[in-house]
């Protein structure tokens, strides 16, 4: 039986595969980014997202060097796909739902969510809870205005991908 190790993010407390997280270790009282995840020390894990890195940088207990935070941010930026151009090409397809009400109605057919980074905390918690309940992967990406431009709207909080194949292509 081959199981994938699961770890919990220090910042958002979400459980994820170890490969989806950064590892931080304490060496001689100093916290450092364990880029290759092979330092022999107890590790602490953080999501590979801008939100968690931003909150980690303000953490008073885990005080990483600016160089380590920069390395982590660059890794996140490289891994981030250009979802906006992908969504722009698909905007007229039946594969997309946008807006909180439409996505909530279609949640049973949705396989991937793109949540605006500047969504209100209340709506963010509600959507993430809904995504976890229905086992839908999600990412925070772009602003409400950037997502709105795709659909010629002033703002869009959320976009749902209804096609399994498209969702798989966006997450892998």
N, C-alpha and C. Protein backbone atom coordinates (compact mmCIF):
# COMPACT_ATOMS: atom_id res chain seq x y z
N UNK A 1 0.85 -1.18 0.00
CA UNK A 1 0.00 0.00 0.00
C UNK A 1 0.89 1.25 0.00
N UNK A 2 0.71 2.11 -0.98
CA UNK A 2 1.53 3.30 -1.13
C UNK A 2 0.68 4.53 -0.80
N UNK A 3 0.95 5.17 0.34
CA UNK A 3 0.15 6.32 0.73
C UNK A 3 0.97 7.60 0.60
N UNK A 4 0.29 8.69 0.24
CA UNK A 4 0.98 9.97 0.14
C UNK A 4 0.92 10.67 1.49
N UNK A 5 2.06 11.22 1.93
CA UNK A 5 2.07 11.89 3.23
C UNK A 5 1.23 13.17 3.21
N UNK A 6 0.44 13.35 4.25
CA UNK A 6 -0.41 14.54 4.40
C UNK A 6 0.15 15.38 5.54
N UNK A 7 0.21 16.69 5.32
CA UNK A 7 0.69 17.62 6.33
C UNK A 7 -0.31 18.77 6.43
N UNK A 8 -0.25 19.52 7.54
CA UNK A 8 -1.15 20.64 7.78
C UNK A 8 -0.39 21.95 7.65
N UNK A 9 -0.95 22.90 6.93
CA UNK A 9 -0.35 24.22 6.76
C UNK A 9 -0.40 24.97 8.09
N UNK A 10 0.71 25.53 8.48
CA UNK A 10 0.82 26.31 9.71
C UNK A 10 -0.11 27.52 9.70
N UNK A 11 -0.31 28.10 8.53
CA UNK A 11 -1.05 29.35 8.41
C UNK A 11 -2.56 29.13 8.30
N UNK A 12 -3.00 28.38 7.29
CA UNK A 12 -4.44 28.24 7.06
C UNK A 12 -5.04 26.97 7.67
N UNK A 13 -4.18 26.10 8.21
CA UNK A 13 -4.59 24.86 8.89
C UNK A 13 -5.24 23.84 7.95
N UNK A 14 -5.06 24.00 6.63
CA UNK A 14 -5.60 23.04 5.68
C UNK A 14 -4.66 21.86 5.53
N UNK A 15 -5.20 20.66 5.40
CA UNK A 15 -4.38 19.48 5.19
C UNK A 15 -4.21 19.25 3.69
N UNK A 16 -2.94 19.02 3.29
CA UNK A 16 -2.62 18.82 1.88
C UNK A 16 -1.52 17.78 1.76
N UNK A 17 -1.31 17.31 0.53
CA UNK A 17 -0.17 16.43 0.27
C UNK A 17 1.10 17.20 0.60
N UNK A 18 2.07 16.49 1.12
CA UNK A 18 3.34 17.10 1.50
C UNK A 18 3.98 17.85 0.32
N UNK A 19 3.82 17.32 -0.89
CA UNK A 19 4.41 17.93 -2.08
C UNK A 19 3.81 19.29 -2.41
N UNK A 20 2.61 19.57 -1.92
CA UNK A 20 1.93 20.84 -2.20
C UNK A 20 2.29 21.94 -1.20
N UNK A 21 3.23 21.65 -0.29
CA UNK A 21 3.58 22.58 0.78
C UNK A 21 5.08 22.88 0.80
N UNK A 22 5.41 24.07 1.30
CA UNK A 22 6.80 24.41 1.59
C UNK A 22 7.15 23.85 2.96
N UNK A 23 8.40 23.46 3.16
CA UNK A 23 8.84 22.96 4.46
C UNK A 23 9.80 23.97 5.08
N UNK A 24 9.57 24.27 6.35
CA UNK A 24 10.42 25.19 7.11
C UNK A 24 10.92 24.41 8.31
N UNK A 25 12.23 24.52 8.59
CA UNK A 25 12.82 23.82 9.74
C UNK A 25 13.52 24.82 10.64
N UNK A 26 13.66 24.43 11.90
CA UNK A 26 14.36 25.27 12.87
C UNK A 26 15.75 24.67 13.08
N UNK A 27 16.77 25.48 12.83
CA UNK A 27 18.15 25.06 13.03
C UNK A 27 18.82 26.09 13.94
N UNK A 28 19.26 25.65 15.10
CA UNK A 28 19.92 26.53 16.08
C UNK A 28 19.09 27.78 16.39
N UNK A 29 17.79 27.60 16.56
CA UNK A 29 16.92 28.71 16.93
C UNK A 29 16.51 29.61 15.77
N UNK A 30 16.97 29.31 14.56
CA UNK A 30 16.67 30.13 13.38
C UNK A 30 15.83 29.29 12.40
N UNK A 31 14.74 29.85 11.91
CA UNK A 31 13.91 29.14 10.94
C UNK A 31 14.45 29.37 9.54
N UNK A 32 14.51 28.27 8.75
CA UNK A 32 15.00 28.36 7.37
C UNK A 32 14.10 27.55 6.45
N UNK A 33 14.07 27.96 5.20
CA UNK A 33 13.29 27.29 4.16
C UNK A 33 14.07 26.06 3.72
N UNK A 34 13.46 24.89 3.86
CA UNK A 34 14.07 23.62 3.45
C UNK A 34 13.61 23.32 2.03
N UNK A 35 14.32 23.89 1.07
CA UNK A 35 13.90 23.85 -0.33
C UNK A 35 13.75 22.41 -0.86
N UNK A 36 14.68 21.53 -0.50
CA UNK A 36 14.65 20.16 -1.01
C UNK A 36 13.94 19.18 -0.07
N UNK A 37 13.44 19.69 1.03
CA UNK A 37 12.72 18.90 2.04
C UNK A 37 13.52 17.68 2.50
N UNK A 38 14.81 17.91 2.81
CA UNK A 38 15.64 16.79 3.25
C UNK A 38 16.50 17.09 4.49
N UNK A 39 16.32 18.26 5.11
CA UNK A 39 17.08 18.59 6.32
C UNK A 39 16.56 17.73 7.47
N UNK A 40 17.49 17.17 8.24
CA UNK A 40 17.12 16.30 9.36
C UNK A 40 16.72 17.16 10.56
N UNK A 41 15.48 17.57 10.59
CA UNK A 41 14.93 18.36 11.70
C UNK A 41 13.41 18.32 11.57
N UNK A 42 12.73 18.64 12.65
CA UNK A 42 11.27 18.66 12.62
C UNK A 42 10.83 19.81 11.71
N UNK A 43 9.93 19.49 10.80
CA UNK A 43 9.49 20.49 9.83
C UNK A 43 8.14 21.09 10.14
N UNK A 44 7.95 22.29 9.68
CA UNK A 44 6.69 23.00 9.72
C UNK A 44 6.34 23.27 8.26
N UNK A 45 5.06 23.19 7.92
CA UNK A 45 4.67 23.29 6.52
C UNK A 45 3.76 24.48 6.26
N UNK A 46 3.90 25.05 5.04
CA UNK A 46 3.11 26.21 4.63
C UNK A 46 2.68 26.01 3.18
N UNK A 47 1.42 26.35 2.87
CA UNK A 47 0.90 26.22 1.51
C UNK A 47 1.73 27.01 0.51
N UNK A 48 1.76 26.54 -0.70
CA UNK A 48 2.46 27.24 -1.78
C UNK A 48 1.51 28.24 -2.43
N UNK A 49 1.03 29.19 -1.61
CA UNK A 49 0.15 30.24 -2.11
C UNK A 49 0.63 31.60 -1.62
N UNK A 50 0.30 32.63 -2.38
CA UNK A 50 0.69 33.99 -1.98
C UNK A 50 0.02 34.38 -0.66
N UNK A 51 -1.22 33.94 -0.45
CA UNK A 51 -1.94 34.32 0.77
C UNK A 51 -1.22 33.78 2.01
N UNK A 52 -0.87 32.50 1.98
CA UNK A 52 -0.21 31.89 3.15
C UNK A 52 1.19 32.48 3.35
N UNK A 53 1.90 32.75 2.26
CA UNK A 53 3.23 33.36 2.39
C UNK A 53 3.14 34.77 2.98
N UNK A 54 2.12 35.51 2.56
CA UNK A 54 1.93 36.86 3.08
C UNK A 54 1.68 36.82 4.59
N UNK A 55 0.83 35.89 5.01
CA UNK A 55 0.53 35.77 6.44
C UNK A 55 1.74 35.23 7.20
N UNK A 56 2.52 34.34 6.58
CA UNK A 56 3.73 33.80 7.22
C UNK A 56 4.75 34.92 7.45
N UNK A 57 4.87 35.84 6.50
CA UNK A 57 5.84 36.92 6.63
C UNK A 57 5.53 37.82 7.82
N UNK A 58 4.27 37.84 8.26
CA UNK A 58 3.86 38.66 9.40
C UNK A 58 3.89 37.87 10.71
N UNK A 59 4.16 36.56 10.63
CA UNK A 59 4.19 35.70 11.80
C UNK A 59 5.36 36.07 12.70
N UNK A 60 5.10 36.34 13.96
CA UNK A 60 6.15 36.78 14.89
C UNK A 60 7.00 35.62 15.39
N UNK A 61 6.41 34.42 15.47
CA UNK A 61 7.15 33.27 15.98
C UNK A 61 8.10 32.69 14.92
N UNK A 62 7.58 32.47 13.72
CA UNK A 62 8.39 31.93 12.62
C UNK A 62 8.94 33.13 11.86
N UNK A 63 10.17 33.47 12.11
CA UNK A 63 10.76 34.65 11.49
C UNK A 63 11.77 34.21 10.43
N UNK A 64 11.28 34.06 9.20
CA UNK A 64 12.14 33.66 8.09
C UNK A 64 12.89 34.86 7.54
N UNK A 65 14.04 34.61 6.95
CA UNK A 65 14.80 35.70 6.32
C UNK A 65 14.06 36.15 5.06
N UNK A 66 14.30 37.38 4.66
CA UNK A 66 13.68 37.91 3.44
C UNK A 66 14.10 37.10 2.23
N UNK A 67 15.33 36.60 2.25
CA UNK A 67 15.85 35.79 1.14
C UNK A 67 15.03 34.50 0.99
N UNK A 68 14.75 33.84 2.11
CA UNK A 68 13.95 32.61 2.07
C UNK A 68 12.53 32.90 1.60
N UNK A 69 11.92 33.97 2.11
CA UNK A 69 10.57 34.35 1.68
C UNK A 69 10.54 34.65 0.19
N UNK A 70 11.60 35.31 -0.29
CA UNK A 70 11.69 35.64 -1.72
C UNK A 70 11.77 34.36 -2.56
N UNK A 71 12.61 33.41 -2.14
CA UNK A 71 12.73 32.13 -2.85
C UNK A 71 11.37 31.43 -2.94
N UNK A 72 10.64 31.44 -1.83
CA UNK A 72 9.34 30.79 -1.80
C UNK A 72 8.36 31.51 -2.72
N UNK A 73 8.37 32.83 -2.71
CA UNK A 73 7.47 33.62 -3.57
C UNK A 73 7.77 33.38 -5.05
N UNK A 74 9.04 33.29 -5.39
CA UNK A 74 9.43 33.03 -6.78
C UNK A 74 8.94 31.66 -7.21
N UNK A 75 9.04 30.69 -6.33
CA UNK A 75 8.56 29.33 -6.63
C UNK A 75 7.06 29.35 -6.90
N UNK A 76 6.32 30.09 -6.09
CA UNK A 76 4.86 30.20 -6.28
C UNK A 76 4.56 30.86 -7.61
N UNK A 77 5.29 31.93 -7.92
CA UNK A 77 5.04 32.66 -9.16
C UNK A 77 5.32 31.78 -10.38
N UNK A 78 6.40 30.99 -10.34
CA UNK A 78 6.72 30.10 -11.46
C UNK A 78 5.64 29.05 -11.65
N UNK A 79 5.11 28.55 -10.53
CA UNK A 79 4.12 27.48 -10.59
C UNK A 79 2.75 27.99 -11.02
N UNK A 80 2.52 29.28 -10.81
CA UNK A 80 1.21 29.84 -11.12
C UNK A 80 1.00 29.91 -12.64
N UNK A 81 -0.07 29.39 -13.10
CA UNK A 81 -0.36 29.41 -14.52
C UNK A 81 -1.08 30.71 -14.88
N UNK A 82 -1.13 30.98 -16.14
CA UNK A 82 -1.84 32.15 -16.59
C UNK A 82 -3.30 31.79 -16.81
N UNK A 83 -4.02 31.67 -15.70
CA UNK A 83 -5.43 31.27 -15.76
C UNK A 83 -6.28 32.28 -16.51
N UNK A 84 -5.92 33.56 -16.44
CA UNK A 84 -6.75 34.58 -17.07
C UNK A 84 -6.84 34.37 -18.58
N UNK A 85 -5.72 34.08 -19.23
CA UNK A 85 -5.78 33.88 -20.69
C UNK A 85 -6.51 32.59 -21.03
N UNK A 86 -6.35 31.56 -20.20
CA UNK A 86 -7.09 30.31 -20.42
C UNK A 86 -8.60 30.56 -20.31
N UNK A 87 -8.99 31.29 -19.27
CA UNK A 87 -10.41 31.57 -19.05
C UNK A 87 -10.98 32.47 -20.15
N UNK A 88 -10.16 33.39 -20.63
CA UNK A 88 -10.60 34.31 -21.69
C UNK A 88 -10.99 33.51 -22.94
N UNK A 89 -10.21 32.49 -23.27
CA UNK A 89 -10.53 31.70 -24.46
C UNK A 89 -11.77 30.83 -24.25
N UNK A 90 -12.09 30.53 -23.01
CA UNK A 90 -13.23 29.65 -22.71
C UNK A 90 -14.49 30.40 -22.30
N UNK A 91 -14.47 31.72 -22.28
CA UNK A 91 -15.56 32.48 -21.67
C UNK A 91 -16.93 32.21 -22.28
N UNK A 92 -17.00 31.85 -23.52
CA UNK A 92 -18.28 31.61 -24.16
C UNK A 92 -18.68 30.12 -24.14
N UNK A 93 -17.88 29.31 -23.49
CA UNK A 93 -18.19 27.87 -23.45
C UNK A 93 -19.18 27.57 -22.33
N UNK A 94 -19.74 26.38 -22.39
CA UNK A 94 -20.66 25.96 -21.35
C UNK A 94 -19.93 25.39 -20.14
N UNK A 95 -18.58 25.42 -20.17
CA UNK A 95 -17.77 24.84 -19.10
C UNK A 95 -17.60 25.76 -17.89
N UNK A 96 -18.02 27.01 -17.98
CA UNK A 96 -17.79 27.96 -16.91
C UNK A 96 -19.07 28.44 -16.24
N UNK A 97 -19.00 28.59 -14.93
CA UNK A 97 -20.03 29.27 -14.14
C UNK A 97 -19.31 30.39 -13.42
N UNK A 98 -19.95 31.54 -13.29
CA UNK A 98 -19.29 32.61 -12.56
C UNK A 98 -20.26 33.29 -11.62
N UNK A 99 -19.70 33.81 -10.55
CA UNK A 99 -20.51 34.46 -9.52
C UNK A 99 -20.90 33.46 -8.45
N UNK A 100 -21.07 33.94 -7.25
CA UNK A 100 -21.34 33.08 -6.10
C UNK A 100 -22.65 32.32 -6.26
N UNK A 101 -23.72 33.00 -6.69
CA UNK A 101 -25.02 32.34 -6.81
C UNK A 101 -25.01 31.24 -7.87
N UNK A 102 -24.46 31.54 -9.04
CA UNK A 102 -24.44 30.56 -10.13
C UNK A 102 -23.56 29.36 -9.77
N UNK A 103 -22.42 29.61 -9.16
CA UNK A 103 -21.52 28.53 -8.78
C UNK A 103 -22.15 27.67 -7.68
N UNK A 104 -22.82 28.30 -6.73
CA UNK A 104 -23.49 27.55 -5.66
C UNK A 104 -24.56 26.63 -6.24
N UNK A 105 -25.31 27.12 -7.23
CA UNK A 105 -26.33 26.29 -7.88
C UNK A 105 -25.72 25.11 -8.64
N UNK A 106 -24.56 25.34 -9.27
CA UNK A 106 -23.91 24.33 -10.11
C UNK A 106 -22.86 23.50 -9.38
N UNK A 107 -22.71 23.66 -8.08
CA UNK A 107 -21.57 23.08 -7.34
C UNK A 107 -21.42 21.57 -7.55
N UNK A 108 -22.51 20.85 -7.75
CA UNK A 108 -22.41 19.40 -7.94
C UNK A 108 -21.78 19.03 -9.28
N UNK A 109 -21.76 19.98 -10.22
CA UNK A 109 -21.15 19.72 -11.54
C UNK A 109 -19.79 20.39 -11.69
N UNK A 110 -19.33 21.09 -10.67
CA UNK A 110 -18.07 21.84 -10.76
C UNK A 110 -16.91 21.00 -10.24
N UNK A 111 -15.78 21.10 -10.97
CA UNK A 111 -14.59 20.30 -10.65
C UNK A 111 -13.41 21.15 -10.21
N UNK A 112 -13.46 22.47 -10.44
CA UNK A 112 -12.36 23.35 -10.06
C UNK A 112 -12.90 24.76 -9.90
N UNK A 113 -12.44 25.46 -8.84
CA UNK A 113 -12.88 26.83 -8.58
C UNK A 113 -11.70 27.79 -8.63
N UNK A 114 -11.94 28.95 -9.21
CA UNK A 114 -10.96 30.03 -9.18
C UNK A 114 -11.62 31.16 -8.39
N UNK A 115 -11.02 31.47 -7.25
CA UNK A 115 -11.57 32.46 -6.32
C UNK A 115 -10.72 33.72 -6.40
N UNK A 116 -11.34 34.87 -6.50
CA UNK A 116 -10.60 36.14 -6.53
C UNK A 116 -9.82 36.31 -5.22
N UNK A 117 -8.59 36.81 -5.34
CA UNK A 117 -7.74 37.00 -4.16
C UNK A 117 -8.29 38.06 -3.22
N UNK A 118 -9.08 39.01 -3.75
CA UNK A 118 -9.58 40.10 -2.92
C UNK A 118 -11.06 39.92 -2.54
N UNK A 119 -11.52 38.68 -2.54
CA UNK A 119 -12.90 38.39 -2.14
C UNK A 119 -13.04 38.66 -0.63
N UNK A 120 -14.22 38.98 -0.18
CA UNK A 120 -14.42 39.24 1.24
C UNK A 120 -14.14 37.96 2.04
N UNK A 121 -13.70 38.14 3.27
CA UNK A 121 -13.35 37.00 4.12
C UNK A 121 -14.57 36.10 4.35
N UNK A 122 -15.73 36.71 4.56
CA UNK A 122 -16.96 35.96 4.79
C UNK A 122 -17.28 35.06 3.60
N UNK A 123 -17.25 35.62 2.38
CA UNK A 123 -17.54 34.83 1.18
C UNK A 123 -16.46 33.79 0.93
N UNK A 124 -15.21 34.14 1.21
CA UNK A 124 -14.10 33.21 1.02
C UNK A 124 -14.29 31.97 1.89
N UNK A 125 -14.61 32.17 3.15
CA UNK A 125 -14.83 31.04 4.06
C UNK A 125 -16.01 30.19 3.59
N UNK A 126 -17.07 30.85 3.16
CA UNK A 126 -18.27 30.14 2.69
C UNK A 126 -17.95 29.28 1.46
N UNK A 127 -17.21 29.84 0.52
CA UNK A 127 -16.87 29.12 -0.71
C UNK A 127 -15.90 27.97 -0.42
N UNK A 128 -14.90 28.22 0.42
CA UNK A 128 -13.94 27.17 0.73
C UNK A 128 -14.63 26.02 1.47
N UNK A 129 -15.58 26.32 2.35
CA UNK A 129 -16.33 25.28 3.05
C UNK A 129 -17.14 24.47 2.05
N UNK A 130 -17.78 25.15 1.11
CA UNK A 130 -18.57 24.49 0.07
C UNK A 130 -17.67 23.60 -0.80
N UNK A 131 -16.50 24.10 -1.14
CA UNK A 131 -15.55 23.33 -1.96
C UNK A 131 -15.08 22.08 -1.22
N UNK A 132 -14.78 22.21 0.06
CA UNK A 132 -14.35 21.04 0.84
C UNK A 132 -15.48 20.01 0.96
N UNK A 133 -16.70 20.48 1.18
CA UNK A 133 -17.85 19.57 1.29
C UNK A 133 -18.05 18.75 0.03
N UNK A 134 -17.83 19.38 -1.13
CA UNK A 134 -18.05 18.71 -2.41
C UNK A 134 -16.75 18.21 -3.04
N UNK A 135 -15.65 18.29 -2.27
CA UNK A 135 -14.33 17.82 -2.73
C UNK A 135 -13.93 18.45 -4.06
N UNK A 136 -14.07 19.77 -4.14
CA UNK A 136 -13.72 20.52 -5.34
C UNK A 136 -12.40 21.25 -5.06
N UNK A 137 -11.43 21.07 -5.96
CA UNK A 137 -10.16 21.79 -5.82
C UNK A 137 -10.40 23.27 -6.14
N UNK A 138 -9.57 24.12 -5.54
CA UNK A 138 -9.73 25.56 -5.78
C UNK A 138 -8.38 26.26 -5.68
N UNK A 139 -8.36 27.47 -6.23
CA UNK A 139 -7.17 28.31 -6.14
C UNK A 139 -7.63 29.75 -6.02
N UNK A 140 -6.86 30.55 -5.29
CA UNK A 140 -7.10 31.99 -5.24
C UNK A 140 -6.23 32.59 -6.34
N UNK A 141 -6.85 33.34 -7.25
CA UNK A 141 -6.09 33.86 -8.38
C UNK A 141 -6.72 35.15 -8.89
N UNK A 142 -5.91 36.16 -9.10
CA UNK A 142 -6.37 37.42 -9.68
C UNK A 142 -7.31 38.19 -8.76
N UNK A 143 -7.67 39.35 -9.23
CA UNK A 143 -8.59 40.20 -8.47
C UNK A 143 -10.00 40.04 -9.04
N UNK A 144 -10.98 40.57 -8.30
CA UNK A 144 -12.37 40.52 -8.77
C UNK A 144 -12.50 41.26 -10.10
N UNK A 145 -11.78 42.35 -10.25
CA UNK A 145 -11.84 43.13 -11.49
C UNK A 145 -11.24 42.34 -12.65
N UNK A 146 -10.08 41.68 -12.41
CA UNK A 146 -9.45 40.88 -13.46
C UNK A 146 -10.37 39.74 -13.91
N UNK A 147 -10.99 39.08 -12.96
CA UNK A 147 -11.92 38.00 -13.31
C UNK A 147 -13.16 38.55 -14.00
N UNK A 148 -13.60 39.75 -13.60
CA UNK A 148 -14.76 40.38 -14.21
C UNK A 148 -14.54 40.74 -15.67
N UNK A 149 -13.33 41.15 -16.02
CA UNK A 149 -13.01 41.53 -17.40
C UNK A 149 -13.29 40.38 -18.36
N UNK A 150 -13.04 39.17 -17.93
CA UNK A 150 -13.27 38.00 -18.78
C UNK A 150 -14.71 37.92 -19.25
N UNK A 151 -15.66 38.27 -18.37
CA UNK A 151 -17.08 38.17 -18.69
C UNK A 151 -17.72 39.54 -18.96
N UNK A 152 -16.90 40.55 -19.16
CA UNK A 152 -17.39 41.91 -19.41
C UNK A 152 -18.28 42.41 -18.27
N UNK A 153 -17.89 42.11 -17.05
CA UNK A 153 -18.59 42.55 -15.84
C UNK A 153 -17.62 43.40 -15.02
N UNK A 154 -18.15 44.29 -14.16
CA UNK A 154 -17.25 45.11 -13.33
C UNK A 154 -16.40 44.25 -12.36
N UNK A 155 -17.04 43.23 -11.76
CA UNK A 155 -16.34 42.37 -10.81
C UNK A 155 -16.95 40.97 -10.84
N UNK A 156 -16.08 39.96 -10.67
CA UNK A 156 -16.53 38.57 -10.51
C UNK A 156 -15.71 37.98 -9.38
N UNK A 157 -16.40 37.45 -8.37
CA UNK A 157 -15.73 36.88 -7.19
C UNK A 157 -15.17 35.49 -7.43
N UNK A 158 -15.81 34.75 -8.33
CA UNK A 158 -15.60 33.31 -8.38
C UNK A 158 -15.93 32.76 -9.75
N UNK A 159 -15.11 31.81 -10.21
CA UNK A 159 -15.38 31.12 -11.47
C UNK A 159 -15.30 29.62 -11.21
N UNK A 160 -16.28 28.89 -11.69
CA UNK A 160 -16.30 27.44 -11.55
C UNK A 160 -16.10 26.78 -12.90
N UNK A 161 -15.27 25.73 -12.94
CA UNK A 161 -15.01 24.98 -14.16
C UNK A 161 -15.84 23.69 -14.07
N UNK A 162 -16.73 23.48 -15.06
CA UNK A 162 -17.64 22.34 -15.03
C UNK A 162 -17.11 21.12 -15.78
N UNK A 163 -16.08 21.28 -16.58
CA UNK A 163 -15.55 20.16 -17.35
C UNK A 163 -14.42 19.47 -16.57
N UNK A 164 -14.54 18.15 -16.40
CA UNK A 164 -13.49 17.40 -15.69
C UNK A 164 -12.16 17.51 -16.40
N UNK A 165 -12.19 17.40 -17.72
CA UNK A 165 -10.96 17.43 -18.52
C UNK A 165 -10.27 18.79 -18.42
N UNK A 166 -11.03 19.85 -18.52
CA UNK A 166 -10.46 21.21 -18.42
C UNK A 166 -9.93 21.44 -17.01
N UNK A 167 -10.69 21.02 -16.00
CA UNK A 167 -10.26 21.19 -14.60
C UNK A 167 -8.96 20.44 -14.37
N UNK A 168 -8.85 19.22 -14.88
CA UNK A 168 -7.62 18.44 -14.73
C UNK A 168 -6.44 19.17 -15.40
N UNK A 169 -6.67 19.72 -16.57
CA UNK A 169 -5.63 20.46 -17.27
C UNK A 169 -5.17 21.70 -16.51
N UNK A 170 -6.07 22.32 -15.79
CA UNK A 170 -5.73 23.53 -15.05
C UNK A 170 -5.05 23.22 -13.72
N UNK A 171 -5.26 22.03 -13.17
CA UNK A 171 -4.69 21.71 -11.87
C UNK A 171 -3.41 20.90 -11.96
N UNK A 172 -3.13 20.31 -13.09
CA UNK A 172 -1.91 19.49 -13.21
C UNK A 172 -0.78 20.24 -13.86
